[in-house]
Amino acid sequence: MLIISHRLQVLIPPELDANLEKAAQLSSMSKGAWVRTALQVALDQAGHLAGGDFVARLAAMDAPTADIGQMLAEIEAGRA
């Protein structure tokens, strides 16, 4: 399988570069690898997954869950 990479050039201020350098060193990663990982995490959290893993996004919301009968009863009780 042939994997083609694309180059991305981003200008950042010196203080952000210094923080990136420290973060990469603490993670035992290159700055490029750290940025790629951070970008993937940010995209995943924003829900921009290829194909859209909607079940994973719903699970990540950590919303309350219960038996459907119990949930409907609680909804109706709240309306009273």
PDB file of N, CA and C in Angstrom:
ATOM      1  N   MET A   1       0.845  -1.176   0.000  1.00  0.00           N
ATOM      2  CA  MET A   1       0.000   0.000   0.000  1.00  0.00           C
ATOM      3  C   MET A   1       0.888   1.235   0.000  1.00  0.00           C
ATOM      4  N   LEU A   2       0.626   2.139  -0.910  1.00  0.00           N
ATOM      5  CA  LEU A   2       1.391   3.367  -1.029  1.00  0.00           C
ATOM      6  C   LEU A   2       0.717   4.462  -0.205  1.00  0.00           C
ATOM      7  N   ILE A   3       1.461   5.048   0.716  1.00  0.00           N
ATOM      8  CA  ILE A   3       0.939   6.131   1.545  1.00  0.00           C
ATOM      9  C   ILE A   3       1.611   7.423   1.104  1.00  0.00           C
ATOM     10  N   ILE A   4       0.810   8.369   0.707  1.00  0.00           N
ATOM     11  CA  ILE A   4       1.335   9.659   0.260  1.00  0.00           C
ATOM     12  C   ILE A   4       1.116  10.679   1.370  1.00  0.00           C
ATOM     13  N   SER A   5       2.174  11.345   1.767  1.00  0.00           N
ATOM     14  CA  SER A   5       2.083  12.379   2.792  1.00  0.00           C
ATOM     15  C   SER A   5       2.031  13.743   2.137  1.00  0.00           C
ATOM     16  N   HIS A   6       1.430  14.678   2.831  1.00  0.00           N
ATOM     17  CA  HIS A   6       1.356  16.054   2.359  1.00  0.00           C
ATOM     18  C   HIS A   6       2.060  16.950   3.357  1.00  0.00           C
ATOM     19  N   ARG A   7       2.780  17.900   2.845  1.00  0.00           N
ATOM     20  CA  ARG A   7       3.505  18.841   3.698  1.00  0.00           C
ATOM     21  C   ARG A   7       2.588  20.002   4.056  1.00  0.00           C
ATOM     22  N   LEU A   8       2.635  20.399   5.313  1.00  0.00           N
ATOM     23  CA  LEU A   8       1.872  21.548   5.799  1.00  0.00           C
ATOM     24  C   LEU A   8       2.846  22.460   6.521  1.00  0.00           C
ATOM     25  N   GLN A   9       2.889  23.704   6.113  1.00  0.00           N
ATOM     26  CA  GLN A   9       3.765  24.673   6.767  1.00  0.00           C
ATOM     27  C   GLN A   9       2.895  25.655   7.529  1.00  0.00           C
ATOM     28  N   VAL A  10       3.160  25.774   8.819  1.00  0.00           N
ATOM     29  CA  VAL A  10       2.400  26.669   9.683  1.00  0.00           C
ATOM     30  C   VAL A  10       3.385  27.546  10.437  1.00  0.00           C
ATOM     31  N   LEU A  11       3.154  28.842  10.387  1.00  0.00           N
ATOM     32  CA  LEU A  11       4.012  29.772  11.126  1.00  0.00           C
ATOM     33  C   LEU A  11       3.441  29.958  12.527  1.00  0.00           C
ATOM     34  N   ILE A  12       4.293  29.775  13.536  1.00  0.00           N
ATOM     35  CA  ILE A  12       3.873  29.942  14.928  1.00  0.00           C
ATOM     36  C   ILE A  12       4.857  30.873  15.633  1.00  0.00           C
ATOM     37  N   PRO A  13       4.378  31.578  16.648  1.00  0.00           N
ATOM     38  CA  PRO A  13       5.269  32.487  17.379  1.00  0.00           C
ATOM     39  C   PRO A  13       6.312  31.700  18.181  1.00  0.00           C
ATOM     40  N   PRO A  14       7.427  32.346  18.496  1.00  0.00           N
ATOM     41  CA  PRO A  14       8.520  31.675  19.202  1.00  0.00           C
ATOM     42  C   PRO A  14       8.094  31.007  20.515  1.00  0.00           C
ATOM     43  N   GLU A  15       7.206  31.663  21.286  1.00  0.00           N
ATOM     44  CA  GLU A  15       6.824  31.074  22.580  1.00  0.00           C
ATOM     45  C   GLU A  15       6.006  29.790  22.385  1.00  0.00           C
ATOM     46  N   LEU A  16       5.189  29.740  21.335  1.00  0.00           N
ATOM     47  CA  LEU A  16       4.435  28.521  21.049  1.00  0.00           C
ATOM     48  C   LEU A  16       5.376  27.422  20.568  1.00  0.00           C
ATOM     49  N   ASP A  17       6.374  27.793  19.787  1.00  0.00           N
ATOM     50  CA  ASP A  17       7.367  26.816  19.332  1.00  0.00           C
ATOM     51  C   ASP A  17       8.137  26.237  20.516  1.00  0.00           C
ATOM     52  N   ALA A  18       8.477  27.086  21.470  1.00  0.00           N
ATOM     53  CA  ALA A  18       9.202  26.609  22.661  1.00  0.00           C
ATOM     54  C   ALA A  18       8.326  25.636  23.460  1.00  0.00           C
ATOM     55  N   ASN A  19       7.043  25.956  23.599  1.00  0.00           N
ATOM     56  CA  ASN A  19       6.129  25.053  24.319  1.00  0.00           C
ATOM     57  C   ASN A  19       5.945  23.748  23.563  1.00  0.00           C
ATOM     58  N   LEU A  20       5.886  23.821  22.243  1.00  0.00           N
ATOM     59  CA  LEU A  20       5.768  22.618  21.420  1.00  0.00           C
ATOM     60  C   LEU A  20       7.004  21.741  21.578  1.00  0.00           C
ATOM     61  N   GLU A  21       8.154  22.355  21.571  1.00  0.00           N
ATOM     62  CA  GLU A  21       9.411  21.623  21.747  1.00  0.00           C
ATOM     63  C   GLU A  21       9.417  20.874  23.086  1.00  0.00           C
ATOM     64  N   LYS A  22       9.008  21.557  24.151  1.00  0.00           N
ATOM     65  CA  LYS A  22       8.961  20.932  25.478  1.00  0.00           C
ATOM     66  C   LYS A  22       7.968  19.776  25.511  1.00  0.00           C
ATOM     67  N   ALA A  23       6.782  19.992  24.951  1.00  0.00           N
ATOM     68  CA  ALA A  23       5.750  18.954  24.945  1.00  0.00           C
ATOM     69  C   ALA A  23       6.233  17.732  24.166  1.00  0.00           C
ATOM     70  N   ALA A  24       6.869  17.965  23.030  1.00  0.00           N
ATOM     71  CA  ALA A  24       7.380  16.856  22.221  1.00  0.00           C
ATOM     72  C   ALA A  24       8.466  16.090  22.967  1.00  0.00           C
ATOM     73  N   GLN A  25       9.361  16.815  23.611  1.00  0.00           N
ATOM     74  CA  GLN A  25      10.427  16.156  24.378  1.00  0.00           C
ATOM     75  C   GLN A  25       9.852  15.327  25.519  1.00  0.00           C
ATOM     76  N   LEU A  26       8.888  15.876  26.243  1.00  0.00           N
ATOM     77  CA  LEU A  26       8.271  15.149  27.360  1.00  0.00           C
ATOM     78  C   LEU A  26       7.551  13.896  26.889  1.00  0.00           C
ATOM     79  N   SER A  27       7.082  13.904  25.651  1.00  0.00           N
ATOM     80  CA  SER A  27       6.375  12.756  25.086  1.00  0.00           C
ATOM     81  C   SER A  27       7.312  11.836  24.306  1.00  0.00           C
ATOM     82  N   SER A  28       8.594  12.172  24.295  1.00  0.00           N
ATOM     83  CA  SER A  28       9.591  11.410  23.523  1.00  0.00           C
ATOM     84  C   SER A  28       9.179  11.293  22.055  1.00  0.00           C
ATOM     85  N   MET A  29       8.738  12.414  21.504  1.00  0.00           N
ATOM     86  CA  MET A  29       8.294  12.457  20.115  1.00  0.00           C
ATOM     87  C   MET A  29       8.995  13.610  19.408  1.00  0.00           C
ATOM     88  N   SER A  30       9.016  13.533  18.092  1.00  0.00           N
ATOM     89  CA  SER A  30       9.463  14.687  17.321  1.00  0.00           C
ATOM     90  C   SER A  30       8.349  15.728  17.355  1.00  0.00           C
ATOM     91  N   LYS A  31       8.695  16.963  17.031  1.00  0.00           N
ATOM     92  CA  LYS A  31       7.657  18.002  17.002  1.00  0.00           C
ATOM     93  C   LYS A  31       6.607  17.664  15.951  1.00  0.00           C
ATOM     94  N   GLY A  32       7.025  17.148  14.807  1.00  0.00           N
ATOM     95  CA  GLY A  32       6.084  16.789  13.754  1.00  0.00           C
ATOM     96  C   GLY A  32       5.115  15.705  14.201  1.00  0.00           C
ATOM     97  N   ALA A  33       5.639  14.668  14.871  1.00  0.00           N
ATOM     98  CA  ALA A  33       4.782  13.582  15.349  1.00  0.00           C
ATOM     99  C   ALA A  33       3.821  14.090  16.409  1.00  0.00           C
ATOM    100  N   TRP A  34       4.301  14.975  17.284  1.00  0.00           N
ATOM    101  CA  TRP A  34       3.433  15.519  18.333  1.00  0.00           C
ATOM    102  C   TRP A  34       2.293  16.326  17.720  1.00  0.00           C
ATOM    103  N   VAL A  35       2.611  17.153  16.722  1.00  0.00           N
ATOM    104  CA  VAL A  35       1.590  17.971  16.066  1.00  0.00           C
ATOM    105  C   VAL A  35       0.586  17.079  15.341  1.00  0.00           C
ATOM    106  N   ARG A  36       1.066  16.047  14.626  1.00  0.00           N
ATOM    107  CA  ARG A  36       0.143  15.140  13.931  1.00  0.00           C
ATOM    108  C   ARG A  36      -0.798  14.463  14.910  1.00  0.00           C
ATOM    109  N   THR A  37      -0.275  14.029  16.047  1.00  0.00           N
ATOM    110  CA  THR A  37      -1.104  13.385  17.066  1.00  0.00           C
ATOM    111  C   THR A  37      -2.124  14.366  17.629  1.00  0.00           C
ATOM    112  N   ALA A  38      -1.678  15.573  17.938  1.00  0.00           N
ATOM    113  CA  ALA A  38      -2.582  16.590  18.497  1.00  0.00           C
ATOM    114  C   ALA A  38      -3.683  16.943  17.500  1.00  0.00           C
ATOM    115  N   LEU A  39      -3.338  17.035  16.227  1.00  0.00           N
ATOM    116  CA  LEU A  39      -4.341  17.334  15.206  1.00  0.00           C
ATOM    117  C   LEU A  39      -5.378  16.217  15.111  1.00  0.00           C
ATOM    118  N   GLN A  40      -4.924  14.964  15.150  1.00  0.00           N
ATOM    119  CA  GLN A  40      -5.858  13.846  15.053  1.00  0.00           C
ATOM    120  C   GLN A  40      -6.790  13.818  16.258  1.00  0.00           C
ATOM    121  N   VAL A  41      -6.254  14.049  17.448  1.00  0.00           N
ATOM    122  CA  VAL A  41      -7.082  14.079  18.664  1.00  0.00           C
ATOM    123  C   VAL A  41      -8.123  15.198  18.567  1.00  0.00           C
ATOM    124  N   ALA A  42      -7.696  16.376  18.134  1.00  0.00           N
ATOM    125  CA  ALA A  42      -8.618  17.504  18.018  1.00  0.00           C
ATOM    126  C   ALA A  42      -9.715  17.220  16.997  1.00  0.00           C
ATOM    127  N   LEU A  43      -9.354  16.627  15.874  1.00  0.00           N
ATOM    128  CA  LEU A  43     -10.354  16.293  14.862  1.00  0.00           C
ATOM    129  C   LEU A  43     -11.317  15.223  15.367  1.00  0.00           C
ATOM    130  N   ASP A  44     -10.797  14.228  16.061  1.00  0.00           N
ATOM    131  CA  ASP A  44     -11.657  13.173  16.614  1.00  0.00           C
ATOM    132  C   ASP A  44     -12.639  13.753  17.624  1.00  0.00           C
ATOM    133  N   GLN A  45     -12.155  14.623  18.490  1.00  0.00           N
ATOM    134  CA  GLN A  45     -13.019  15.220  19.508  1.00  0.00           C
ATOM    135  C   GLN A  45     -14.056  16.145  18.886  1.00  0.00           C
ATOM    136  N   ALA A  46     -13.721  16.762  17.775  1.00  0.00           N
ATOM    137  CA  ALA A  46     -14.655  17.658  17.104  1.00  0.00           C
ATOM    138  C   ALA A  46     -15.664  16.878  16.266  1.00  0.00           C
ATOM    139  N   GLY A  47     -15.474  15.578  16.156  1.00  0.00           N
ATOM    140  CA  GLY A  47     -16.414  14.760  15.410  1.00  0.00           C
ATOM    141  C   GLY A  47     -16.169  14.727  13.922  1.00  0.00           C
ATOM    142  N   HIS A  48     -15.010  15.129  13.496  1.00  0.00           N
ATOM    143  CA  HIS A  48     -14.690  15.125  12.070  1.00  0.00           C
ATOM    144  C   HIS A  48     -14.011  13.812  11.696  1.00  0.00           C
ATOM    145  N   LEU A  49     -14.669  12.725  12.010  1.00  0.00           N
ATOM    146  CA  LEU A  49     -14.113  11.412  11.708  1.00  0.00           C
ATOM    147  C   LEU A  49     -14.504  11.008  10.295  1.00  0.00           C
ATOM    148  N   ALA A  50     -13.589  10.416   9.591  1.00  0.00           N
ATOM    149  CA  ALA A  50     -13.912   9.911   8.258  1.00  0.00           C
ATOM    150  C   ALA A  50     -14.993   8.854   8.393  1.00  0.00           C
ATOM    151  N   GLY A  51     -16.103   9.053   7.742  1.00  0.00           N
ATOM    152  CA  GLY A  51     -17.200   8.097   7.829  1.00  0.00           C
ATOM    153  C   GLY A  51     -18.110   8.364   9.003  1.00  0.00           C
ATOM    154  N   GLY A  52     -17.686   9.144   9.966  1.00  0.00           N
ATOM    155  CA  GLY A  52     -18.528   9.516  11.099  1.00  0.00           C
ATOM    156  C   GLY A  52     -18.873   8.354  12.009  1.00  0.00           C
ATOM    157  N   ASP A  53     -18.086   8.114  13.042  1.00  0.00           N
ATOM    158  CA  ASP A  53     -18.368   7.069  14.027  1.00  0.00           C
ATOM    159  C   ASP A  53     -19.314   7.666  15.061  1.00  0.00           C
ATOM    160  N   PHE A  54     -20.603   7.682  14.721  1.00  0.00           N
ATOM    161  CA  PHE A  54     -21.590   8.366  15.541  1.00  0.00           C
ATOM    162  C   PHE A  54     -21.796   7.697  16.890  1.00  0.00           C
ATOM    163  N   VAL A  55     -21.677   6.384  16.955  1.00  0.00           N
ATOM    164  CA  VAL A  55     -21.832   5.682  18.227  1.00  0.00           C
ATOM    165  C   VAL A  55     -20.721   6.108  19.182  1.00  0.00           C
ATOM    166  N   ALA A  56     -19.507   6.195  18.674  1.00  0.00           N
ATOM    167  CA  ALA A  56     -18.381   6.629  19.512  1.00  0.00           C
ATOM    168  C   ALA A  56     -18.583   8.063  19.982  1.00  0.00           C
ATOM    169  N   ARG A  57     -19.098   8.928  19.104  1.00  0.00           N
ATOM    170  CA  ARG A  57     -19.346  10.310  19.496  1.00  0.00           C
ATOM    171  C   ARG A  57     -20.423  10.400  20.558  1.00  0.00           C
ATOM    172  N   LEU A  58     -21.479   9.596  20.432  1.00  0.00           N
ATOM    173  CA  LEU A  58     -22.524   9.589  21.457  1.00  0.00           C
ATOM    174  C   LEU A  58     -21.985   9.068  22.785  1.00  0.00           C
ATOM    175  N   ALA A  59     -21.189   8.009  22.732  1.00  0.00           N
ATOM    176  CA  ALA A  59     -20.621   7.450  23.960  1.00  0.00           C
ATOM    177  C   ALA A  59     -19.699   8.453  24.642  1.00  0.00           C
ATOM    178  N   ALA A  60     -18.989   9.253  23.857  1.00  0.00           N
ATOM    179  CA  ALA A  60     -18.069  10.235  24.413  1.00  0.00           C
ATOM    180  C   ALA A  60     -18.792  11.360  25.140  1.00  0.00           C
ATOM    181  N   MET A  61     -20.085  11.548  24.869  1.00  0.00           N
ATOM    182  CA  MET A  61     -20.855  12.603  25.530  1.00  0.00           C
ATOM    183  C   MET A  61     -21.085  12.306  26.998  1.00  0.00           C
ATOM    184  N   ASP A  62     -20.969  11.050  27.389  1.00  0.00           N
ATOM    185  CA  ASP A  62     -21.157  10.636  28.774  1.00  0.00           C
ATOM    186  C   ASP A  62     -22.507  11.115  29.308  1.00  0.00           C
ATOM    187  N   ALA A  63     -23.528  11.009  28.471  1.00  0.00           N
ATOM    188  CA  ALA A  63     -24.878  11.413  28.865  1.00  0.00           C
ATOM    189  C   ALA A  63     -25.519  10.313  29.723  1.00  0.00           C
ATOM    190  N   PRO A  64     -26.496  10.672  30.548  1.00  0.00           N
ATOM    191  CA  PRO A  64     -27.150   9.662  31.365  1.00  0.00           C
ATOM    192  C   PRO A  64     -27.910   8.659  30.491  1.00  0.00           C
ATOM    193  N   THR A  65     -27.887   7.418  30.910  1.00  0.00           N
ATOM    194  CA  THR A  65     -28.599   6.365  30.191  1.00  0.00           C
ATOM    195  C   THR A  65     -29.375   5.518  31.185  1.00  0.00           C
ATOM    196  N   ALA A  66     -30.404   4.870  30.682  1.00  0.00           N
ATOM    197  CA  ALA A  66     -31.208   3.975  31.521  1.00  0.00           C
ATOM    198  C   ALA A  66     -32.097   3.142  30.604  1.00  0.00           C
ATOM    199  N   ASP A  67     -32.828   2.245  31.197  1.00  0.00           N
ATOM    200  CA  ASP A  67     -33.832   1.477  30.476  1.00  0.00           C
ATOM    201  C   ASP A  67     -34.833   2.453  29.860  1.00  0.00           C
ATOM    202  N   ILE A  68     -35.273   2.200  28.637  1.00  0.00           N
ATOM    203  CA  ILE A  68     -36.157   3.139  27.949  1.00  0.00           C
ATOM    204  C   ILE A  68     -37.451   3.385  28.726  1.00  0.00           C
ATOM    205  N   GLY A  69     -37.979   2.339  29.345  1.00  0.00           N
ATOM    206  CA  GLY A  69     -39.196   2.511  30.148  1.00  0.00           C
ATOM    207  C   GLY A  69     -38.973   3.462  31.312  1.00  0.00           C
ATOM    208  N   GLN A  70     -37.838   3.315  31.980  1.00  0.00           N
ATOM    209  CA  GLN A  70     -37.500   4.190  33.103  1.00  0.00           C
ATOM    210  C   GLN A  70     -37.320   5.626  32.628  1.00  0.00           C
ATOM    211  N   MET A  71     -36.638   5.795  31.492  1.00  0.00           N
ATOM    212  CA  MET A  71     -36.422   7.147  30.985  1.00  0.00           C
ATOM    213  C   MET A  71     -37.733   7.827  30.624  1.00  0.00           C
ATOM    214  N   LEU A  72     -38.634   7.087  29.969  1.00  0.00           N
ATOM    215  CA  LEU A  72     -39.930   7.663  29.599  1.00  0.00           C
ATOM    216  C   LEU A  72     -40.750   8.008  30.841  1.00  0.00           C
ATOM    217  N   ALA A  73     -40.677   7.159  31.864  1.00  0.00           N
ATOM    218  CA  ALA A  73     -41.404   7.433  33.106  1.00  0.00           C
ATOM    219  C   ALA A  73     -40.863   8.695  33.758  1.00  0.00           C
ATOM    220  N   GLU A  74     -39.551   8.876  33.769  1.00  0.00           N
ATOM    221  CA  GLU A  74     -38.949  10.069  34.368  1.00  0.00           C
ATOM    222  C   GLU A  74     -39.329  11.326  33.566  1.00  0.00           C
ATOM    223  N   ILE A  75     -39.386  11.208  32.257  1.00  0.00           N
ATOM    224  CA  ILE A  75     -39.786  12.343  31.432  1.00  0.00           C
ATOM    225  C   ILE A  75     -41.216  12.731  31.749  1.00  0.00           C
ATOM    226  N   GLU A  76     -42.099  11.751  31.803  1.00  0.00           N
ATOM    227  CA  GLU A  76     -43.503  12.020  32.101  1.00  0.00           C
ATOM    228  C   GLU A  76     -43.663  12.589  33.503  1.00  0.00           C
ATOM    229  N   ALA A  77     -42.909  12.074  34.469  1.00  0.00           N
ATOM    230  CA  ALA A  77     -42.991  12.575  35.843  1.00  0.00           C
ATOM    231  C   ALA A  77     -42.564  14.038  35.899  1.00  0.00           C
ATOM    232  N   GLY A  78     -41.582  14.406  35.068  1.00  0.00           N
ATOM    233  CA  GLY A  78     -41.117  15.789  35.050  1.00  0.00           C
ATOM    234  C   GLY A  78     -42.123  16.741  34.447  1.00  0.00           C
ATOM    235  N   ARG A  79     -42.995  16.228  33.622  1.00  0.00           N
ATOM    236  CA  ARG A  79     -44.030  17.055  32.977  1.00  0.00           C
ATOM    237  C   ARG A  79     -45.209  17.327  33.919  1.00  0.00           C
ATOM    238  N   ALA A  80     -45.342  16.512  34.940  1.00  0.00           N
ATOM    239  CA  ALA A  80     -46.501  16.639  35.828  1.00  0.00           C
ATOM    240  C   ALA A  80     -46.349  17.796  36.780  1.00  0.00           C
TER     241      ALA A  80
END
